[in-house]
N, C-alpha and C. Protein backbone atom coordinates (compact mmCIF):
# COMPACT_ATOMS: atom_id res chain seq x y z
N MET A 1 -12.81 -23.39 -1.74
CA MET A 1 -12.97 -23.11 -2.96
C MET A 1 -14.10 -24.06 -3.65
N ILE A 2 -15.38 -23.46 -4.16
CA ILE A 2 -16.06 -24.46 -4.59
C ILE A 2 -16.67 -24.25 -6.14
N ASP A 3 -17.20 -25.27 -6.82
CA ASP A 3 -17.93 -24.97 -7.99
C ASP A 3 -19.26 -24.03 -8.08
N PRO A 4 -18.98 -23.03 -8.54
CA PRO A 4 -20.39 -22.27 -7.89
C PRO A 4 -21.47 -22.63 -9.01
N LEU A 5 -21.53 -23.15 -10.07
CA LEU A 5 -22.69 -23.46 -10.83
C LEU A 5 -23.28 -24.79 -10.11
N ALA A 6 -22.84 -25.77 -9.55
CA ALA A 6 -23.11 -27.01 -8.72
C ALA A 6 -23.35 -26.53 -7.22
N PHE A 7 -22.76 -25.71 -6.94
CA PHE A 7 -23.31 -24.93 -5.50
C PHE A 7 -24.61 -24.46 -5.64
N ALA A 8 -24.80 -23.70 -6.61
CA ALA A 8 -26.38 -22.95 -6.65
C ALA A 8 -27.25 -23.64 -7.35
N ARG A 9 -26.88 -24.88 -7.97
CA ARG A 9 -27.87 -25.43 -8.75
C ARG A 9 -28.52 -26.90 -7.65
N GLU A 10 -27.63 -27.11 -6.56
CA GLU A 10 -27.91 -27.69 -5.64
C GLU A 10 -28.47 -27.35 -4.12
N GLY A 11 -28.48 -25.92 -4.41
CA GLY A 11 -28.98 -25.08 -3.48
C GLY A 11 -28.39 -25.17 -1.87
N LEU A 12 -27.11 -25.09 -2.37
CA LEU A 12 -26.20 -25.50 -1.17
C LEU A 12 -25.90 -24.01 -0.28
N THR A 13 -25.38 -24.31 0.62
CA THR A 13 -25.29 -23.01 1.79
C THR A 13 -23.88 -23.32 2.56
N LEU A 14 -23.27 -22.24 2.94
CA LEU A 14 -22.12 -22.10 3.47
C LEU A 14 -21.85 -21.08 4.25
N SER A 15 -21.65 -21.05 5.68
CA SER A 15 -21.54 -19.92 6.63
C SER A 15 -20.09 -20.42 7.67
N GLY A 16 -20.18 -19.14 8.30
CA GLY A 16 -19.03 -19.17 8.98
C GLY A 16 -18.74 -17.70 9.77
N ASP A 17 -17.22 -17.98 10.44
CA ASP A 17 -16.97 -16.74 11.05
C ASP A 17 -15.26 -16.55 10.41
N VAL A 18 -14.61 -15.35 10.00
CA VAL A 18 -13.51 -15.42 9.62
C VAL A 18 -13.24 -14.13 10.10
N ALA A 19 -11.89 -14.40 11.00
CA ALA A 19 -11.08 -13.39 11.77
C ALA A 19 -10.74 -12.35 10.87
N VAL A 20 -10.68 -11.22 11.23
CA VAL A 20 -10.25 -9.96 10.50
C VAL A 20 -9.08 -10.15 10.39
N ALA A 21 -8.25 -10.50 10.78
CA ALA A 21 -6.29 -10.45 11.12
C ALA A 21 -6.19 -11.36 9.53
N THR A 22 -7.17 -12.60 9.71
CA THR A 22 -6.65 -13.26 8.07
C THR A 22 -7.10 -12.66 7.17
N LEU A 23 -7.88 -11.70 6.71
CA LEU A 23 -8.23 -11.44 5.62
C LEU A 23 -6.56 -10.84 4.98
N ASP A 24 -7.32 -10.71 3.72
CA ASP A 24 -5.92 -10.24 2.59
C ASP A 24 -5.77 -9.06 2.87
N GLY A 25 -4.14 -8.70 2.18
CA GLY A 25 -3.92 -7.25 2.72
C GLY A 25 -4.42 -6.09 2.06
N ARG A 26 -5.15 -6.40 0.90
CA ARG A 26 -5.92 -5.64 0.20
C ARG A 26 -7.14 -5.08 1.15
N VAL A 27 -7.76 -5.84 1.92
CA VAL A 27 -8.85 -5.41 2.74
C VAL A 27 -8.04 -4.65 4.15
N LEU A 28 -7.01 -5.52 4.65
CA LEU A 28 -6.19 -4.77 5.94
C LEU A 28 -6.02 -3.45 5.61
N GLU A 29 -5.66 -3.27 4.23
CA GLU A 29 -4.84 -1.96 4.35
C GLU A 29 -5.98 -0.56 4.13
N ALA A 30 -7.07 -0.89 4.57
CA ALA A 30 -8.22 0.36 4.57
C ALA A 30 -8.75 -0.20 6.10
N LEU A 31 -8.24 -0.76 6.81
CA LEU A 31 -8.88 -0.79 8.23
C LEU A 31 -7.56 0.03 8.96
N ALA A 32 -8.12 0.44 9.86
CA ALA A 32 -6.92 0.80 11.30
C ALA A 32 -6.76 -0.28 12.28
N ASP A 33 -7.18 -1.53 12.33
CA ASP A 33 -6.73 -2.59 12.96
C ASP A 33 -7.05 -3.93 12.70
N THR A 34 -6.64 -4.74 13.04
CA THR A 34 -7.16 -5.98 12.90
C THR A 34 -7.85 -6.91 13.80
N ASN A 35 -8.31 -6.37 14.84
CA ASN A 35 -9.19 -6.96 15.71
C ASN A 35 -10.61 -7.06 15.09
N GLY A 36 -11.18 -8.52 15.43
CA GLY A 36 -12.66 -8.62 15.37
C GLY A 36 -12.75 -9.80 14.62
N THR A 37 -14.03 -10.55 14.58
CA THR A 37 -14.51 -11.51 13.55
C THR A 37 -16.12 -11.10 12.87
N LEU A 38 -15.76 -11.53 11.61
CA LEU A 38 -16.77 -11.47 10.79
C LEU A 38 -17.71 -12.59 10.37
N ARG A 39 -18.93 -12.47 10.21
CA ARG A 39 -20.04 -13.81 10.42
C ARG A 39 -20.11 -13.48 8.71
N TYR A 40 -20.13 -14.60 8.29
CA TYR A 40 -20.69 -14.47 6.63
C TYR A 40 -21.91 -15.92 6.61
N ALA A 41 -22.47 -15.52 5.21
CA ALA A 41 -23.40 -16.89 5.09
C ALA A 41 -23.57 -16.55 3.34
N LEU A 42 -23.07 -17.99 2.64
CA LEU A 42 -23.39 -18.02 1.37
C LEU A 42 -24.69 -18.76 1.03
N SER A 43 -25.06 -19.05 -0.09
CA SER A 43 -26.09 -19.78 -0.57
C SER A 43 -26.46 -19.74 -1.75
N GLY A 44 -26.72 -20.82 -2.58
CA GLY A 44 -27.00 -20.92 -3.91
C GLY A 44 -28.13 -21.29 -4.27
N SER A 45 -28.88 -20.49 -5.62
CA SER A 45 -30.14 -20.97 -6.07
C SER A 45 -30.37 -20.70 -7.38
N VAL A 46 -31.49 -21.51 -8.20
CA VAL A 46 -31.93 -21.20 -9.37
C VAL A 46 -32.79 -20.44 -9.48
N ASP A 47 -32.87 -19.28 -10.11
CA ASP A 47 -34.33 -18.31 -10.41
C ASP A 47 -35.28 -18.90 -11.30
N LYS A 48 -36.38 -18.28 -11.71
CA LYS A 48 -37.55 -18.74 -12.48
C LYS A 48 -37.04 -18.42 -13.92
N LEU A 49 -35.77 -17.95 -14.09
CA LEU A 49 -35.38 -17.67 -15.50
C LEU A 49 -34.08 -18.94 -15.55
N ARG A 50 -33.91 -20.13 -14.93
CA ARG A 50 -33.03 -20.80 -14.70
C ARG A 50 -31.82 -20.37 -14.80
N ARG A 51 -31.71 -19.18 -14.10
CA ARG A 51 -29.91 -18.58 -13.88
C ARG A 51 -29.28 -18.85 -12.49
N HIS A 52 -28.54 -19.43 -12.12
CA HIS A 52 -28.00 -19.67 -11.41
C HIS A 52 -27.47 -18.46 -10.57
N HIS A 53 -27.67 -18.38 -9.28
CA HIS A 53 -27.59 -17.10 -7.96
C HIS A 53 -26.40 -17.59 -6.81
N LEU A 54 -25.91 -16.92 -6.39
CA LEU A 54 -25.04 -16.49 -5.09
C LEU A 54 -25.60 -15.66 -4.27
N THR A 55 -26.01 -16.09 -3.20
CA THR A 55 -26.43 -14.71 -2.24
C THR A 55 -25.24 -15.07 -1.20
N LEU A 56 -24.79 -13.79 -0.78
CA LEU A 56 -23.82 -13.47 0.08
C LEU A 56 -24.20 -12.21 1.13
N SER A 57 -23.76 -12.98 2.45
CA SER A 57 -24.29 -11.83 3.39
C SER A 57 -22.86 -11.83 3.92
N VAL A 58 -22.36 -10.55 4.78
CA VAL A 58 -21.26 -10.62 5.71
C VAL A 58 -21.75 -9.44 6.87
N ASP A 59 -21.19 -9.92 7.95
CA ASP A 59 -22.11 -9.01 9.32
C ASP A 59 -21.02 -9.26 10.40
N GLY A 60 -21.16 -7.93 10.66
CA GLY A 60 -19.91 -7.57 11.93
C GLY A 60 -19.33 -6.47 12.02
N GLU A 61 -18.25 -6.12 12.61
CA GLU A 61 -17.74 -4.73 13.06
C GLU A 61 -16.22 -4.88 12.80
N VAL A 62 -15.59 -3.74 11.87
CA VAL A 62 -14.31 -3.66 11.76
C VAL A 62 -13.91 -2.38 12.15
N THR A 63 -12.68 -2.04 12.35
CA THR A 63 -12.11 -0.50 12.61
C THR A 63 -11.51 0.08 11.55
N VAL A 64 -12.13 1.47 11.21
CA VAL A 64 -11.64 2.25 10.47
C VAL A 64 -11.06 3.79 10.72
N THR A 65 -10.12 4.19 10.06
CA THR A 65 -9.85 5.57 10.68
C THR A 65 -10.96 6.81 10.09
N CYS A 66 -10.98 7.58 10.73
CA CYS A 66 -12.14 8.83 10.75
C CYS A 66 -11.09 9.63 9.49
N GLN A 67 -11.48 9.82 8.64
CA GLN A 67 -10.92 11.06 7.63
C GLN A 67 -11.07 12.82 7.92
N ARG A 68 -11.71 12.72 9.02
CA ARG A 68 -11.98 14.09 9.56
C ARG A 68 -10.96 14.41 10.88
N CYS A 69 -11.01 13.59 11.87
CA CYS A 69 -10.23 13.46 12.89
C CYS A 69 -8.88 12.46 12.94
N LEU A 70 -8.98 11.37 12.15
CA LEU A 70 -7.86 10.77 12.11
C LEU A 70 -7.86 9.79 13.40
N VAL A 71 -9.50 9.75 14.16
CA VAL A 71 -9.04 8.72 15.19
C VAL A 71 -9.86 7.69 14.75
N PRO A 72 -9.62 6.38 14.98
CA PRO A 72 -10.13 4.73 14.70
C PRO A 72 -11.39 4.97 15.47
N MET A 73 -12.48 4.27 14.42
CA MET A 73 -13.69 4.07 14.86
C MET A 73 -14.27 2.92 14.42
N VAL A 74 -15.39 2.40 15.15
CA VAL A 74 -16.08 1.24 14.42
C VAL A 74 -17.02 1.56 13.05
N GLN A 75 -16.57 0.30 12.68
CA GLN A 75 -17.80 0.43 10.74
C GLN A 75 -18.55 -0.58 11.02
N VAL A 76 -19.46 -0.63 11.32
CA VAL A 76 -20.81 -1.93 11.42
C VAL A 76 -20.81 -1.99 9.93
N LEU A 77 -20.72 -3.05 9.76
CA LEU A 77 -20.90 -4.34 8.20
C LEU A 77 -22.21 -5.15 8.28
N GLN A 78 -22.94 -4.57 7.23
CA GLN A 78 -23.83 -5.26 7.21
C GLN A 78 -24.53 -5.63 5.78
N LEU A 79 -23.58 -6.30 5.02
CA LEU A 79 -23.49 -6.36 3.73
C LEU A 79 -24.10 -7.66 3.08
N SER A 80 -24.85 -7.29 1.86
CA SER A 80 -25.24 -8.48 1.23
C SER A 80 -25.33 -8.19 -0.16
N SER A 81 -25.46 -9.49 -0.89
CA SER A 81 -25.18 -9.23 -2.71
C SER A 81 -25.73 -10.49 -3.07
N ALA A 82 -26.40 -10.36 -4.32
CA ALA A 82 -27.11 -11.34 -5.20
C ALA A 82 -26.25 -11.62 -6.50
N ILE A 83 -25.46 -12.42 -6.53
CA ILE A 83 -24.53 -12.27 -7.95
C ILE A 83 -25.05 -13.65 -8.75
N THR A 84 -25.39 -13.01 -9.93
CA THR A 84 -25.78 -14.26 -11.09
C THR A 84 -24.84 -14.44 -12.05
N LEU A 85 -24.44 -15.86 -11.75
CA LEU A 85 -23.66 -16.83 -12.48
C LEU A 85 -24.00 -17.00 -13.92
N PHE A 86 -23.19 -16.67 -15.16
CA PHE A 86 -23.21 -16.97 -16.40
C PHE A 86 -21.98 -18.10 -16.75
N SER A 87 -22.32 -18.79 -17.74
CA SER A 87 -21.34 -19.48 -18.40
C SER A 87 -21.05 -19.07 -19.82
N ASP A 88 -21.75 -18.08 -20.12
CA ASP A 88 -21.77 -17.84 -21.85
C ASP A 88 -21.53 -15.85 -21.42
N GLU A 89 -20.06 -15.61 -21.83
CA GLU A 89 -19.89 -14.26 -21.72
C GLU A 89 -21.02 -13.53 -22.92
N GLU A 90 -21.72 -13.62 -23.79
CA GLU A 90 -22.54 -12.93 -24.58
C GLU A 90 -23.96 -12.81 -23.79
N LYS A 91 -24.40 -13.94 -23.13
CA LYS A 91 -25.29 -13.69 -22.26
C LYS A 91 -25.32 -12.92 -21.22
N LEU A 92 -24.49 -13.01 -20.45
CA LEU A 92 -23.73 -11.99 -19.34
C LEU A 92 -23.90 -10.79 -19.89
N ALA A 93 -23.53 -10.53 -21.14
CA ALA A 93 -23.31 -8.85 -21.77
C ALA A 93 -24.88 -8.44 -22.18
N GLU A 94 -25.72 -9.27 -22.31
CA GLU A 94 -27.11 -9.07 -22.79
C GLU A 94 -27.67 -8.78 -21.51
N ALA A 95 -27.54 -9.58 -20.41
CA ALA A 95 -28.32 -9.38 -18.97
C ALA A 95 -28.05 -8.11 -18.59
N VAL A 96 -26.93 -7.93 -18.61
CA VAL A 96 -26.22 -6.58 -17.81
C VAL A 96 -26.93 -5.22 -18.53
N GLU A 97 -26.75 -6.01 -19.94
CA GLU A 97 -27.48 -4.48 -20.80
C GLU A 97 -28.60 -4.41 -20.66
N ALA A 98 -29.57 -5.26 -20.36
CA ALA A 98 -30.84 -5.21 -19.99
C ALA A 98 -31.09 -4.81 -18.54
N ASP A 99 -30.14 -5.06 -17.82
CA ASP A 99 -30.53 -4.62 -16.13
C ASP A 99 -29.28 -4.00 -15.53
N GLU A 100 -28.89 -2.55 -15.55
CA GLU A 100 -27.95 -2.57 -15.02
C GLU A 100 -27.60 -2.51 -13.78
N GLU A 101 -28.45 -2.97 -13.02
CA GLU A 101 -28.43 -3.15 -11.59
C GLU A 101 -28.01 -4.58 -11.18
N LEU A 102 -28.00 -5.52 -12.37
CA LEU A 102 -27.73 -7.15 -12.18
C LEU A 102 -26.01 -6.97 -11.67
N ASP A 103 -25.72 -7.82 -10.73
CA ASP A 103 -24.49 -8.15 -10.43
C ASP A 103 -24.25 -9.37 -10.59
N ALA A 104 -23.59 -9.59 -11.92
CA ALA A 104 -23.23 -10.95 -12.36
C ALA A 104 -21.91 -10.94 -12.52
N ILE A 105 -21.20 -12.66 -12.65
CA ILE A 105 -19.85 -12.52 -13.31
C ILE A 105 -20.14 -14.09 -13.33
N MET A 106 -18.85 -14.26 -14.64
CA MET A 106 -18.73 -15.50 -15.53
C MET A 106 -18.31 -16.65 -14.42
N ALA A 107 -18.99 -17.75 -14.39
CA ALA A 107 -18.70 -18.82 -13.50
C ALA A 107 -17.38 -19.53 -14.03
N GLU A 108 -16.69 -19.49 -13.12
CA GLU A 108 -15.82 -20.19 -13.26
C GLU A 108 -15.71 -22.05 -12.80
N PRO A 109 -14.75 -22.77 -13.37
CA PRO A 109 -15.05 -23.88 -12.71
C PRO A 109 -14.90 -23.87 -10.98
N GLU A 110 -13.96 -23.05 -10.50
CA GLU A 110 -13.70 -22.96 -9.14
C GLU A 110 -13.55 -21.47 -8.70
N LEU A 111 -14.59 -21.60 -7.68
CA LEU A 111 -14.66 -19.71 -7.20
C LEU A 111 -14.10 -19.87 -5.60
N ASP A 112 -13.15 -18.77 -5.30
CA ASP A 112 -12.40 -18.59 -4.27
C ASP A 112 -13.45 -18.18 -3.62
N VAL A 113 -14.13 -18.82 -2.35
CA VAL A 113 -15.25 -17.92 -1.74
C VAL A 113 -14.61 -16.82 -0.63
N MET A 114 -13.52 -16.97 -0.07
CA MET A 114 -12.63 -16.13 0.87
C MET A 114 -12.32 -14.76 -0.12
N ALA A 115 -11.89 -14.99 -1.32
CA ALA A 115 -12.02 -13.77 -2.36
C ALA A 115 -13.46 -13.25 -2.33
N LEU A 116 -14.14 -13.76 -2.52
CA LEU A 116 -15.50 -13.37 -2.98
C LEU A 116 -15.81 -12.30 -1.26
N ILE A 117 -15.91 -13.11 -0.59
CA ILE A 117 -16.01 -12.29 1.15
C ILE A 117 -15.24 -11.18 1.31
N GLU A 118 -13.90 -11.02 0.88
CA GLU A 118 -12.97 -10.06 0.37
C GLU A 118 -13.45 -8.78 -0.19
N ASP A 119 -14.06 -9.00 -1.16
CA ASP A 119 -14.40 -8.19 -2.37
C ASP A 119 -15.65 -7.55 -1.94
N GLU A 120 -16.49 -8.24 -1.11
CA GLU A 120 -17.53 -7.60 -0.78
C GLU A 120 -17.31 -6.49 0.62
N ILE A 121 -16.49 -7.12 1.19
CA ILE A 121 -15.93 -6.22 2.24
C ILE A 121 -15.40 -5.08 1.61
N ILE A 122 -14.71 -4.92 0.66
CA ILE A 122 -14.15 -3.76 0.10
C ILE A 122 -14.97 -2.93 -0.31
N MET A 123 -15.84 -3.45 -0.85
CA MET A 123 -16.92 -2.71 -1.85
C MET A 123 -17.92 -1.95 -0.53
N GLY A 124 -18.18 -3.06 0.54
CA GLY A 124 -18.89 -2.06 1.50
C GLY A 124 -18.21 -1.37 2.27
N LEU A 125 -16.85 -0.96 2.32
CA LEU A 125 -16.40 0.02 3.16
C LEU A 125 -16.74 1.29 2.74
N PRO A 126 -17.07 2.35 3.57
CA PRO A 126 -17.27 3.45 3.00
C PRO A 126 -15.56 3.99 2.26
N VAL A 127 -16.06 5.20 1.31
CA VAL A 127 -14.47 5.44 0.66
C VAL A 127 -13.83 6.37 1.40
N SER A 128 -14.53 7.17 2.21
CA SER A 128 -14.00 8.33 3.37
C SER A 128 -15.24 7.95 4.57
N PRO A 129 -14.76 7.15 5.62
CA PRO A 129 -15.16 7.13 6.62
C PRO A 129 -15.00 8.39 7.61
N LYS A 130 -16.39 8.57 8.09
CA LYS A 130 -16.61 9.75 9.07
C LYS A 130 -17.00 9.51 10.22
N HIS A 131 -16.51 9.86 11.36
CA HIS A 131 -17.58 10.09 12.64
C HIS A 131 -18.64 10.96 12.22
N GLU A 132 -19.89 10.70 13.05
CA GLU A 132 -20.92 11.28 12.72
C GLU A 132 -21.05 13.05 13.48
N ALA A 133 -20.10 13.05 14.61
CA ALA A 133 -19.96 14.21 15.00
C ALA A 133 -18.49 14.07 15.57
N CYS A 134 -17.57 14.29 15.33
CA CYS A 134 -16.23 14.07 15.87
C CYS A 134 -16.07 14.92 16.65
N GLY A 135 -15.19 14.49 17.99
CA GLY A 135 -14.83 15.06 19.30
C GLY A 135 -14.35 16.59 19.09
N GLN A 136 -15.46 17.65 19.67
CA GLN A 136 -14.91 19.03 19.53
C GLN A 136 -13.38 19.20 20.08
N ASP A 137 -13.18 18.91 20.94
CA ASP A 137 -11.47 18.96 21.31
C ASP A 137 -10.81 18.51 20.25
N VAL A 138 -10.55 17.83 19.49
CA VAL A 138 -9.90 17.01 18.47
C VAL A 138 -9.91 18.33 17.04
N LEU A 139 -11.21 18.57 16.86
CA LEU A 139 -11.37 19.74 16.09
C LEU A 139 -10.93 20.88 16.13
N ASP A 140 -10.92 21.62 17.56
CA ASP A 140 -10.20 22.73 18.02
C ASP A 140 -8.82 22.62 18.15
N SER A 141 -8.19 21.41 18.27
CA SER A 141 -6.82 21.52 18.34
C SER A 141 -6.57 21.72 16.56
N VAL A 142 -7.19 21.00 15.81
CA VAL A 142 -6.73 21.40 14.35
C VAL A 142 -7.01 22.89 13.74
N LYS A 143 -7.93 23.55 14.16
CA LYS A 143 -8.02 24.72 13.93
C LYS A 143 -7.47 25.72 14.72
N VAL A 144 -6.23 25.82 14.69
CA VAL A 144 -5.53 26.55 15.25
C VAL A 144 -5.46 28.04 14.86
N GLU A 145 -5.83 29.13 15.60
CA GLU A 145 -6.12 30.76 15.14
C GLU A 145 -4.75 31.70 14.51
N LYS A 146 -4.71 31.67 13.18
CA LYS A 146 -4.22 32.04 12.36
C LYS A 146 -4.41 33.75 12.04
N PRO A 147 -3.19 34.56 12.01
CA PRO A 147 -3.75 35.54 11.84
C PRO A 147 -4.02 36.07 10.20
N ASN A 148 -5.13 36.39 9.90
CA ASN A 148 -5.15 37.05 8.88
C ASN A 148 -4.03 37.74 7.92
N PRO A 149 -3.41 37.11 7.02
CA PRO A 149 -2.47 37.65 6.14
C PRO A 149 -2.53 39.10 5.58
N PHE A 150 -3.66 39.46 5.48
CA PHE A 150 -3.91 40.44 4.93
C PHE A 150 -4.06 41.93 5.80
N ALA A 151 -4.45 41.00 7.26
CA ALA A 151 -4.55 42.19 8.46
C ALA A 151 -3.04 42.44 8.65
N VAL A 152 -2.16 41.38 8.80
CA VAL A 152 -0.28 41.62 9.19
C VAL A 152 0.08 42.86 7.93
N LEU A 153 -0.39 42.61 6.37
CA LEU A 153 0.25 43.51 5.53
C LEU A 153 -0.55 45.02 5.59
N ALA A 154 -1.69 45.14 6.04
CA ALA A 154 -2.27 46.61 6.55
C ALA A 154 -1.34 47.13 7.37
N THR A 155 -1.02 46.30 8.85
CA THR A 155 -0.49 46.86 9.72
C THR A 155 1.13 47.68 9.16
N LEU A 156 1.75 46.27 8.58
CA LEU A 156 2.81 46.80 7.97
C LEU A 156 3.15 47.87 7.13
N LYS A 157 1.97 48.57 6.25
CA LYS A 157 1.86 49.79 5.25
C LYS A 157 1.49 50.84 6.44
N LYS A 158 0.85 50.52 7.45
CA LYS A 158 0.54 51.76 8.40
C LYS A 158 1.99 51.87 9.08
N ASN A 159 2.63 51.21 9.29
CA ASN A 159 3.66 51.38 9.99
C ASN A 159 4.82 52.07 9.21
N GLN A 160 4.73 51.67 7.71
CA GLN A 160 6.04 51.71 6.98
C GLN A 160 5.35 53.41 6.31
N ALA A 161 4.08 53.77 6.83
CA ALA A 161 3.36 55.28 6.26
C ALA A 161 4.31 56.22 7.03
N ARG A 162 4.67 55.93 8.59
CA ARG A 162 5.01 57.03 9.61
C ARG A 162 6.09 57.08 9.09
């Protein structure tokens, strides 16, 4: 837990490794397994408009399930976000309205860094992960030749006409 405004104002940094297996269930449910370690770095700053910022990066690899062939695959994560902190809801609303791409949150007295990292991972994972090219043998096993139902019906009509 950090005080986000003090962290940004003092230009502090925090970095380390986090085991995938220790992440919250909401992250783990999107993954195929819990192997691996992710590296994170969080730094605070104040911009020229005197707004407090947190910059977070998360790098590493996780295993997800390909939605095409249902085989586990490695997903490389190289995530980075800049979060602007506001202590006034009106100023936050004005800033977001003026800049739709601004990533901003209300500054609470305490911020759970692990929850912030987990949110970044969830937003950084693809909605429907897929291999660039799934193995042909897997796709062939899925594409079983089925007779055309209209051809079967035509054969039945011919046999009935005799």
